C-alpha atoms as a PDB file:
ATOM      1  CA  MET A   1      21.624  -5.600  33.106  1.00  0.00           C
ATOM      2  CA  SER A   2      19.236  -6.598  35.914  1.00  0.00           C
ATOM      3  CA  LEU A   3      19.127  -4.739  39.308  1.00  0.00           C
ATOM      4  CA  ASP A   4      17.779  -5.452  42.677  1.00  0.00           C
ATOM      5  CA  ALA A   5      14.958  -4.023  44.364  1.00  0.00           C
ATOM      6  CA  GLU A   6      16.863  -1.582  46.514  1.00  0.00           C
ATOM      7  CA  THR A   7      18.952  -0.372  43.634  1.00  0.00           C
ATOM      8  CA  ILE A   8      15.532   0.144  41.703  1.00  0.00           C
ATOM      9  CA  ALA A   9      13.800   1.798  44.449  1.00  0.00           C
ATOM     10  CA  GLN A  10      16.693   4.392  44.859  1.00  0.00           C
ATOM     11  CA  MET A  11      16.284   5.299  41.071  1.00  0.00           C
ATOM     12  CA  VAL A  12      13.352   5.511  40.621  1.00  0.00           C
ATOM     13  CA  LEU A  13      12.216   7.421  43.827  1.00  0.00           C
ATOM     14  CA  VAL A  14      15.005  10.099  43.280  1.00  0.00           C
ATOM     15  CA  PRO A  15      12.968  13.201  41.855  1.00  0.00           C
ATOM     16  CA  ALA A  16      14.712  14.031  38.635  1.00  0.00           C
ATOM     17  CA  PRO A  17      13.522  16.739  35.800  1.00  0.00           C
ATOM     18  CA  PRO A  18      11.414  15.171  32.806  1.00  0.00           C
ATOM     19  CA  ALA A  19      13.305  13.291  30.126  1.00  0.00           C
ATOM     20  CA  THR A  20      13.661  15.576  26.746  1.00  0.00           C
ATOM     21  CA  ILE A  21      12.851  13.229  24.477  1.00  0.00           C
ATOM     22  CA  GLN A  22      13.582  13.980  20.809  1.00  0.00           C
ATOM     23  CA  SER A  23      12.200  11.673  18.842  1.00  0.00           C
ATOM     24  CA  GLY A  24       9.045   9.259  18.392  1.00  0.00           C
ATOM     25  CA  ILE A  25       7.601   6.672  16.219  1.00  0.00           C
ATOM     26  CA  VAL A  26       3.738   6.294  15.108  1.00  0.00           C
ATOM     27  CA  LEU A  27       3.133   2.689  14.204  1.00  0.00           C
ATOM     28  CA  ALA A  28       0.820   2.726  11.340  1.00  0.00           C
ATOM     29  CA  ALA A  29       1.755  -0.228   9.302  1.00  0.00           C
ATOM     30  CA  GLY A  30      -1.225  -2.226  10.679  1.00  0.00           C
ATOM     31  CA  ARG A  31      -3.114  -4.305   8.382  1.00  0.00           C
ATOM     32  CA  GLY A  32      -6.703  -3.623  10.370  1.00  0.00           C
ATOM     33  CA  THR A  33      -7.933  -7.315   9.580  1.00  0.00           C
ATOM     34  CA  ARG A  34     -10.219  -7.042  12.401  1.00  0.00           C
ATOM     35  CA  LEU A  35     -11.939  -4.080  10.816  1.00  0.00           C
ATOM     36  CA  GLY A  36     -13.407  -6.073   7.779  1.00  0.00           C
ATOM     37  CA  PRO A  37     -13.773  -4.298   4.266  1.00  0.00           C
ATOM     38  CA  LEU A  38     -12.692  -0.614   6.059  1.00  0.00           C
ATOM     39  CA  GLY A  39      -9.700  -2.180   6.945  1.00  0.00           C
ATOM     40  CA  LEU A  40      -8.842  -3.507   3.211  1.00  0.00           C
ATOM     41  CA  ALA A  41      -9.582   0.108   1.890  1.00  0.00           C
ATOM     42  CA  THR A  42      -8.097   2.346   4.339  1.00  0.00           C
ATOM     43  CA  PRO A  43      -5.070   2.061   6.927  1.00  0.00           C
ATOM     44  CA  LYS A  44      -6.062   2.632  10.418  1.00  0.00           C
ATOM     45  CA  ALA A  45      -3.801   4.990  11.371  1.00  0.00           C
ATOM     46  CA  LEU A  46      -5.887   7.367   8.729  1.00  0.00           C
ATOM     47  CA  LEU A  47      -9.441   6.416  10.121  1.00  0.00           C
ATOM     48  CA  ASP A  48     -11.218   9.832  11.196  1.00  0.00           C
ATOM     49  CA  ILE A  49     -12.689   9.950  14.344  1.00  0.00           C
ATOM     50  CA  GLY A  50     -14.594  13.210  15.779  1.00  0.00           C
ATOM     51  CA  GLY A  51     -13.083  15.043  13.119  1.00  0.00           C
ATOM     52  CA  SER A  52      -9.562  14.278  13.639  1.00  0.00           C
ATOM     53  CA  VAL A  53      -7.335  11.627  11.768  1.00  0.00           C
ATOM     54  CA  LEU A  54      -5.918   9.155  14.122  1.00  0.00           C
ATOM     55  CA  LEU A  55      -2.093   9.858  12.327  1.00  0.00           C
ATOM     56  CA  ASP A  56      -2.370  13.290  12.311  1.00  0.00           C
ATOM     57  CA  GLN A  57      -3.251  12.721  16.443  1.00  0.00           C
ATOM     58  CA  ALA A  58      -0.088  11.281  17.030  1.00  0.00           C
ATOM     59  CA  LEU A  59       2.209  13.405  14.877  1.00  0.00           C
ATOM     60  CA  ASP A  60       0.565  16.558  16.600  1.00  0.00           C
ATOM     61  CA  ALA A  61       0.956  15.183  20.169  1.00  0.00           C
ATOM     62  CA  PHE A  62       4.619  14.887  19.392  1.00  0.00           C
ATOM     63  CA  ALA A  63       4.838  18.122  17.996  1.00  0.00           C
ATOM     64  CA  HIS A  64       2.806  19.641  21.341  1.00  0.00           C
ATOM     65  CA  THR A  65       5.528  17.939  23.490  1.00  0.00           C
ATOM     66  CA  GLY A  66       8.311  19.098  21.821  1.00  0.00           C
ATOM     67  CA  VAL A  67       9.589  15.684  19.523  1.00  0.00           C
ATOM     68  CA  ALA A  68      11.529  17.504  16.707  1.00  0.00           C
ATOM     69  CA  ASN A  69      12.387  13.883  14.835  1.00  0.00           C
ATOM     70  CA  LYS A  70       9.162  12.118  13.981  1.00  0.00           C
ATOM     71  CA  VAL A  71       8.961   8.812  11.877  1.00  0.00           C
ATOM     72  CA  VAL A  72       6.093   6.699  10.693  1.00  0.00           C
ATOM     73  CA  ASN A  73       6.582   3.311   9.543  1.00  0.00           C
ATOM     74  CA  ALA A  74       4.081   2.200   6.909  1.00  0.00           C
ATOM     75  CA  SER A  75       3.590  -1.003   4.776  1.00  0.00           C
ATOM     76  CA  HIS A  76      -0.145  -1.872   4.544  1.00  0.00           C
ATOM     77  CA  LEU A  77      -1.908   0.638   1.922  1.00  0.00           C
ATOM     78  CA  ALA A  78       1.750   2.583   2.407  1.00  0.00           C
ATOM     79  CA  ASP A  79       0.880   4.866  -0.646  1.00  0.00           C
ATOM     80  CA  GLN A  80      -1.972   6.306   1.472  1.00  0.00           C
ATOM     81  CA  ILE A  81       0.247   6.902   4.401  1.00  0.00           C
ATOM     82  CA  ILE A  82       3.378   8.545   2.549  1.00  0.00           C
ATOM     83  CA  ALA A  83       0.764  10.738   0.633  1.00  0.00           C
ATOM     84  CA  HIS A  84      -1.118  12.000   3.802  1.00  0.00           C
ATOM     85  CA  VAL A  85       2.276  12.596   5.397  1.00  0.00           C
ATOM     86  CA  GLY A  86       3.405  14.487   2.238  1.00  0.00           C
ATOM     87  CA  ASN A  87       0.493  16.676   2.409  1.00  0.00           C
ATOM     88  CA  ARG A  88       1.462  17.503   6.106  1.00  0.00           C
ATOM     89  CA  GLY A  89       4.720  19.124   5.048  1.00  0.00           C
ATOM     90  CA  GLY A  90       6.309  15.204   4.124  1.00  0.00           C
ATOM     91  CA  GLU A  91      10.103  15.160   5.820  1.00  0.00           C
ATOM     92  CA  ALA A  92       9.552  18.479   7.148  1.00  0.00           C
ATOM     93  CA  ASP A  93       6.768  16.852   9.353  1.00  0.00           C
ATOM     94  CA  ALA A  94       7.967  13.004   9.717  1.00  0.00           C
ATOM     95  CA  ARG A  95       9.902  10.775   7.709  1.00  0.00           C
ATOM     96  CA  ILE A  96       8.725   7.397   6.636  1.00  0.00           C
ATOM     97  CA  SER A  97      10.116   4.232   7.404  1.00  0.00           C
ATOM     98  CA  ALA A  98       8.669   2.010   4.635  1.00  0.00           C
ATOM     99  CA  GLU A  99       8.736  -1.913   5.140  1.00  0.00           C
ATOM    100  CA  ASP A 100       8.283  -4.017   1.610  1.00  0.00           C
ATOM    101  CA  THR A 101       6.643  -6.779   3.971  1.00  0.00           C
ATOM    102  CA  PRO A 102       5.102  -6.525   7.361  1.00  0.00           C
ATOM    103  CA  LEU A 103       7.365  -6.542  10.130  1.00  0.00           C
ATOM    104  CA  GLU A 104       4.965  -6.389  13.190  1.00  0.00           C
ATOM    105  CA  THR A 105       5.394  -3.559  16.029  1.00  0.00           C
ATOM    106  CA  GLY A 106       9.170  -5.035  16.944  1.00  0.00           C
ATOM    107  CA  GLY A 107      10.734  -5.581  13.642  1.00  0.00           C
ATOM    108  CA  GLY A 108       8.873  -1.829  12.503  1.00  0.00           C
ATOM    109  CA  VAL A 109      10.619  -0.649  15.154  1.00  0.00           C
ATOM    110  CA  LEU A 110      13.814  -1.724  14.896  1.00  0.00           C
ATOM    111  CA  LYS A 111      14.126  -1.193  11.355  1.00  0.00           C
ATOM    112  CA  ALA A 112      13.415   2.013  11.995  1.00  0.00           C
ATOM    113  CA  LEU A 113      16.098   2.751  14.376  1.00  0.00           C
ATOM    114  CA  PRO A 114      18.414   4.215  12.180  1.00  0.00           C
ATOM    115  CA  LEU A 115      15.845   7.429  11.790  1.00  0.00           C
ATOM    116  CA  LEU A 116      15.141   7.675  15.581  1.00  0.00           C
ATOM    117  CA  GLY A 117      18.774   7.615  16.694  1.00  0.00           C
ATOM    118  CA  ALA A 118      20.668   6.537  19.782  1.00  0.00           C
ATOM    119  CA  GLU A 119      18.781   8.063  22.652  1.00  0.00           C
ATOM    120  CA  PRO A 120      15.498   6.648  24.145  1.00  0.00           C
ATOM    121  CA  PHE A 121      12.422   7.590  21.678  1.00  0.00           C
ATOM    122  CA  TYR A 122       8.370   7.598  22.218  1.00  0.00           C
ATOM    123  CA  ALA A 123       6.456   4.797  20.062  1.00  0.00           C
ATOM    124  CA  VAL A 124       2.782   5.213  19.983  1.00  0.00           C
ATOM    125  CA  ASN A 125       0.338   2.844  18.285  1.00  0.00           C
ATOM    126  CA  ALA A 126      -2.101   4.707  15.664  1.00  0.00           C
ATOM    127  CA  ASP A 127      -5.239   2.197  16.327  1.00  0.00           C
ATOM    128  CA  VAL A 128      -6.177   4.293  19.255  1.00  0.00           C
ATOM    129  CA  TRP A 129      -8.113   7.315  19.883  1.00  0.00           C
ATOM    130  CA  TRP A 130      -6.792   9.539  22.933  1.00  0.00           C
ATOM    131  CA  ALA A 131     -10.087  12.026  23.007  1.00  0.00           C
ATOM    132  CA  GLY A 132      -7.174  14.910  23.229  1.00  0.00           C
ATOM    133  CA  SER A 133      -4.938  13.272  26.105  1.00  0.00           C
ATOM    134  CA  LEU A 134      -2.357  11.930  24.285  1.00  0.00           C
ATOM    135  CA  PRO A 135      -0.085  14.756  25.040  1.00  0.00           C
ATOM    136  CA  SER A 136      -0.504  14.669  28.773  1.00  0.00           C
ATOM    137  CA  GLY A 137       0.111  10.693  28.350  1.00  0.00           C
ATOM    138  CA  LEU A 138       3.727  11.198  26.907  1.00  0.00           C
ATOM    139  CA  SER A 139       4.385  14.039  29.342  1.00  0.00           C
ATOM    140  CA  ALA A 140       3.699  11.273  32.376  1.00  0.00           C
ATOM    141  CA  LEU A 141       6.314   8.797  30.568  1.00  0.00           C
ATOM    142  CA  ALA A 142       8.617  11.672  30.250  1.00  0.00           C
ATOM    143  CA  THR A 143       8.280  12.707  34.085  1.00  0.00           C
ATOM    144  CA  TYR A 144       8.763   8.808  34.994  1.00  0.00           C
ATOM    145  CA  TRP A 145      11.250   7.880  32.750  1.00  0.00           C
ATOM    146  CA  ARG A 146      14.445   6.794  34.659  1.00  0.00           C
ATOM    147  CA  PRO A 147      16.940   5.674  32.096  1.00  0.00           C
ATOM    148  CA  GLN A 148      19.214   3.973  34.628  1.00  0.00           C
ATOM    149  CA  ALA A 149      16.614   1.511  35.646  1.00  0.00           C
ATOM    150  CA  MET A 150      14.443   1.081  32.760  1.00  0.00           C
ATOM    151  CA  ASP A 151      14.544  -0.082  28.757  1.00  0.00           C
ATOM    152  CA  VAL A 152      10.793  -0.189  28.516  1.00  0.00           C
ATOM    153  CA  LEU A 153       8.080   2.268  30.137  1.00  0.00           C
ATOM    154  CA  LEU A 154       4.441   1.652  29.220  1.00  0.00           C
ATOM    155  CA  LEU A 155       1.778   4.243  29.596  1.00  0.00           C
ATOM    156  CA  LEU A 156      -1.170   1.996  31.205  1.00  0.00           C
ATOM    157  CA  GLN A 157      -4.695   2.592  32.196  1.00  0.00           C
ATOM    158  CA  ALA A 158      -7.006   1.113  34.914  1.00  0.00           C
ATOM    159  CA  THR A 159      -9.134  -1.051  33.132  1.00  0.00           C
ATOM    160  CA  ALA A 160     -12.248   0.031  35.394  1.00  0.00           C
ATOM    161  CA  LYS A 161     -11.813   3.354  34.217  1.00  0.00           C
ATOM    162  CA  ILE A 162     -12.189   2.116  30.438  1.00  0.00           C
ATOM    163  CA  ASP A 163     -15.927   2.454  29.316  1.00  0.00           C
ATOM    164  CA  GLY A 164     -16.845  -0.405  27.798  1.00  0.00           C
ATOM    165  CA  TYR A 165     -13.865  -2.215  28.300  1.00  0.00           C
ATOM    166  CA  ASP A 166     -14.139  -5.853  28.427  1.00  0.00           C
ATOM    167  CA  GLY A 167     -11.077  -7.353  28.200  1.00  0.00           C
ATOM    168  CA  ARG A 168      -9.063  -9.209  31.014  1.00  0.00           C
ATOM    169  CA  GLY A 169      -6.649  -6.494  31.332  1.00  0.00           C
ATOM    170  CA  ASP A 170      -2.466  -7.004  30.341  1.00  0.00           C
ATOM    171  CA  PHE A 171      -0.222  -6.414  33.475  1.00  0.00           C
ATOM    172  CA  TYR A 172       0.304  -5.746  37.157  1.00  0.00           C
ATOM    173  CA  LEU A 173       1.722  -2.685  38.822  1.00  0.00           C
ATOM    174  CA  ASP A 174       3.715  -2.442  41.875  1.00  0.00           C
ATOM    175  CA  GLY A 175       4.631   0.607  44.022  1.00  0.00           C
ATOM    176  CA  LEU A 176       7.885   1.259  42.330  1.00  0.00           C
ATOM    177  CA  GLY A 177       6.052   0.893  38.462  1.00  0.00           C
ATOM    178  CA  GLN A 178       7.615  -2.540  37.821  1.00  0.00           C
ATOM    179  CA  LEU A 179       5.405  -4.415  35.511  1.00  0.00           C
ATOM    180  CA  THR A 180       4.112  -8.127  35.682  1.00  0.00           C
ATOM    181  CA  ARG A 181       2.517  -9.530  32.787  1.00  0.00           C
ATOM    182  CA  LYS A 182      -0.877 -11.548  33.614  1.00  0.00           C
ATOM    183  CA  GLN A 183      -1.208 -15.218  32.968  1.00  0.00           C
ATOM    184  CA  ASP A 184      -3.053 -17.185  30.794  1.00  0.00           C
ATOM    185  CA  GLY A 185      -6.788 -17.370  33.195  1.00  0.00           C
ATOM    186  CA  GLU A 186      -6.057 -13.929  35.332  1.00  0.00           C
ATOM    187  CA  THR A 187      -7.358 -10.915  34.914  1.00  0.00           C
ATOM    188  CA  ALA A 188      -5.052  -7.622  35.456  1.00  0.00           C
ATOM    189  CA  PRO A 189      -5.710  -4.186  36.443  1.00  0.00           C
ATOM    190  CA  PHE A 190      -4.129  -2.336  33.767  1.00  0.00           C
ATOM    191  CA  VAL A 191      -4.112  -2.743  30.090  1.00  0.00           C
ATOM    192  CA  PHE A 192      -1.733  -0.964  27.633  1.00  0.00           C
ATOM    193  CA  THR A 193      -2.702   1.723  25.888  1.00  0.00           C
ATOM    194  CA  GLY A 194      -0.135   1.766  23.181  1.00  0.00           C
ATOM    195  CA  ALA A 195       2.388   4.732  23.646  1.00  0.00           C
ATOM    196  CA  GLN A 196       5.801   4.156  25.225  1.00  0.00           C
ATOM    197  CA  ILE A 197       9.302   4.830  25.962  1.00  0.00           C
ATOM    198  CA  LEU A 198      11.601   2.660  24.739  1.00  0.00           C
ATOM    199  CA  SER A 199      15.780   2.419  24.687  1.00  0.00           C
ATOM    200  CA  PRO A 200      17.425   1.114  21.868  1.00  0.00           C
ATOM    201  CA  THR A 201      19.437  -0.576  24.082  1.00  0.00           C
ATOM    202  CA  ALA A 202      16.407  -2.987  24.424  1.00  0.00           C
ATOM    203  CA  PHE A 203      16.794  -3.802  20.726  1.00  0.00           C
ATOM    204  CA  ALA A 204      20.244  -5.112  21.439  1.00  0.00           C
ATOM    205  CA  GLY A 205      21.247  -8.386  19.693  1.00  0.00           C
ATOM    206  CA  VAL A 206      17.764  -8.484  18.215  1.00  0.00           C
ATOM    207  CA  GLU A 207      17.737  -9.688  14.754  1.00  0.00           C
ATOM    208  CA  SER A 208      15.761  -8.295  12.227  1.00  0.00           C
ATOM    209  CA  GLY A 209      12.636  -9.439  10.767  1.00  0.00           C
ATOM    210  CA  ALA A 210       8.915  -9.352  11.753  1.00  0.00           C
ATOM    211  CA  PHE A 211       8.101 -10.095  16.001  1.00  0.00           C
ATOM    212  CA  SER A 212       6.337  -8.400  18.002  1.00  0.00           C
ATOM    213  CA  LEU A 213       7.033  -5.520  20.793  1.00  0.00           C
ATOM    214  CA  ASN A 214       6.117  -8.154  23.222  1.00  0.00           C
ATOM    215  CA  ALA A 215       9.328  -9.833  22.774  1.00  0.00           C
ATOM    216  CA  ILE A 216      11.086  -6.817  23.797  1.00  0.00           C
ATOM    217  CA  TYR A 217       8.478  -6.434  26.758  1.00  0.00           C
ATOM    218  CA  ASP A 218       9.303 -10.036  27.906  1.00  0.00           C
ATOM    219  CA  GLN A 219      12.800  -9.502  28.199  1.00  0.00           C
ATOM    220  CA  ALA A 220      12.727  -6.112  29.961  1.00  0.00           C
ATOM    221  CA  ALA A 221      10.587  -7.995  32.542  1.00  0.00           C
ATOM    222  CA  THR A 222      13.481 -10.729  32.666  1.00  0.00           C
ATOM    223  CA  ASN A 223      16.253  -8.091  33.465  1.00  0.00           C
ATOM    224  CA  GLY A 224      13.714  -6.046  35.949  1.00  0.00           C
ATOM    225  CA  ARG A 225      13.661  -3.139  33.408  1.00  0.00           C
ATOM    226  CA  LEU A 226       9.985  -3.370  32.637  1.00  0.00           C
ATOM    227  CA  PHE A 227       7.934  -0.568  34.094  1.00  0.00           C
ATOM    228  CA  GLY A 228       4.839   1.611  33.731  1.00  0.00           C
ATOM    229  CA  VAL A 229       2.649   4.351  34.451  1.00  0.00           C
ATOM    230  CA  SER A 230      -0.792   5.185  34.887  1.00  0.00           C
ATOM    231  CA  HIS A 231      -2.790   7.358  32.898  1.00  0.00           C
ATOM    232  CA  SER A 232      -6.224   8.868  33.566  1.00  0.00           C
ATOM    233  CA  GLY A 233      -6.991  10.542  30.255  1.00  0.00           C
ATOM    234  CA  GLY A 234      -9.714   9.753  27.269  1.00  0.00           C
ATOM    235  CA  TRP A 235      -8.463   6.412  25.397  1.00  0.00           C
ATOM    236  CA  ALA A 236     -10.094   3.690  23.564  1.00  0.00           C
ATOM    237  CA  ASP A 237      -9.049   1.066  20.983  1.00  0.00           C
ATOM    238  CA  ILE A 238     -10.675   0.966  17.748  1.00  0.00           C
ATOM    239  CA  GLY A 239      -9.301  -2.066  16.398  1.00  0.00           C
ATOM    240  CA  THR A 240     -12.457  -3.684  16.087  1.00  0.00           C
ATOM    241  CA  PRO A 241     -15.978  -2.558  13.992  1.00  0.00           C
ATOM    242  CA  GLN A 242     -17.707  -2.246  17.605  1.00  0.00           C
ATOM    243  CA  ARG A 243     -15.215  -0.315  19.151  1.00  0.00           C
ATOM    244  CA  LEU A 244     -14.475   1.933  16.138  1.00  0.00           C
ATOM    245  CA  THR A 245     -18.052   2.792  16.353  1.00  0.00           C
ATOM    246  CA  ARG A 246     -17.873   3.552  20.062  1.00  0.00           C
ATOM    247  CA  ALA A 247     -15.190   5.516  20.006  1.00  0.00           C
ATOM    248  CA  ARG A 248     -16.902   7.526  16.882  1.00  0.00           C
ATOM    249  CA  ASN A 249     -19.996   8.107  19.359  1.00  0.00           C
ATOM    250  CA  ALA A 250     -18.085   9.401  22.075  1.00  0.00           C
ATOM    251  CA  ALA A 251     -16.327  11.382  20.156  1.00  0.00           C
ATOM    252  CA  GLU A 252     -19.187  13.104  18.876  1.00  0.00           C
ATOM    253  CA  THR A 253     -20.698  13.252  22.423  1.00  0.00           C
ATOM    254  CA  ALA A 254     -17.582  15.089  23.384  1.00  0.00           C
ATOM    255  CA  ARG A 255     -17.822  17.626  20.909  1.00  0.00           C
ATOM    256  CA  ALA A 256     -21.451  18.501  21.108  1.00  0.00           C
ATOM    257  CA  ARG A 257     -20.539  19.145  24.313  1.00  0.00           C
ATOM    258  CA  GLN A 258     -17.979  21.774  23.532  1.00  0.00           C
ATOM    259  CA  LEU A 259     -20.660  23.362  21.243  1.00  0.00           C
ATOM    260  CA  LEU A 260     -23.466  23.869  24.271  1.00  0.00           C
END
């Protein structure tokens, strides 16, 4: 349902306690093709940065913020993901949504909805290093979430605050938190970090199969229900060998400082 600007303002500006988000999914099915031979042998979610496995980083952040129902989707090298979750405690820690064929981010979330339940849930990309800041990012999402006005709430970071970022951003953010996607040739001031809250209603009527979450974002934007909140904590995409090396160097520098 699309809302007018005045109604949206009333909904998002009225103080409310932080949402209690009980479910979350870590999106760990990516193939890691841009990582070359490393991505062929190891799932991105199981890469180690600064002594912390990326999948553990996300699952531990869920636990820290009170998420009781944790789900991990797996496709590429799924046996490694399943074994790692099993070593953490199996279904007592997280359940697996296995994909026989890769379903991309949107299709993966849609397939996992029966495990996630009927309430809004977190979804976090596994191929991100957060430098310990993911729990605060999830808390920021829960604080700003307004289910009456939102179907999707994305955690963003200002591109100007990201060391070594050489992209052109993803979104414009207005004063109420509504998002507008940049057009071809434009440079936007905010990038999507890979963490978000999604409402199951955003997937109503969507057919199963492989598709990107971008389709869900675009539909939410059309309905005036796509929002974002800015995050200032550590963050780095590790999708390429260069970015992975940069993140590992930053993690080692941070760890060395802690030892001083």
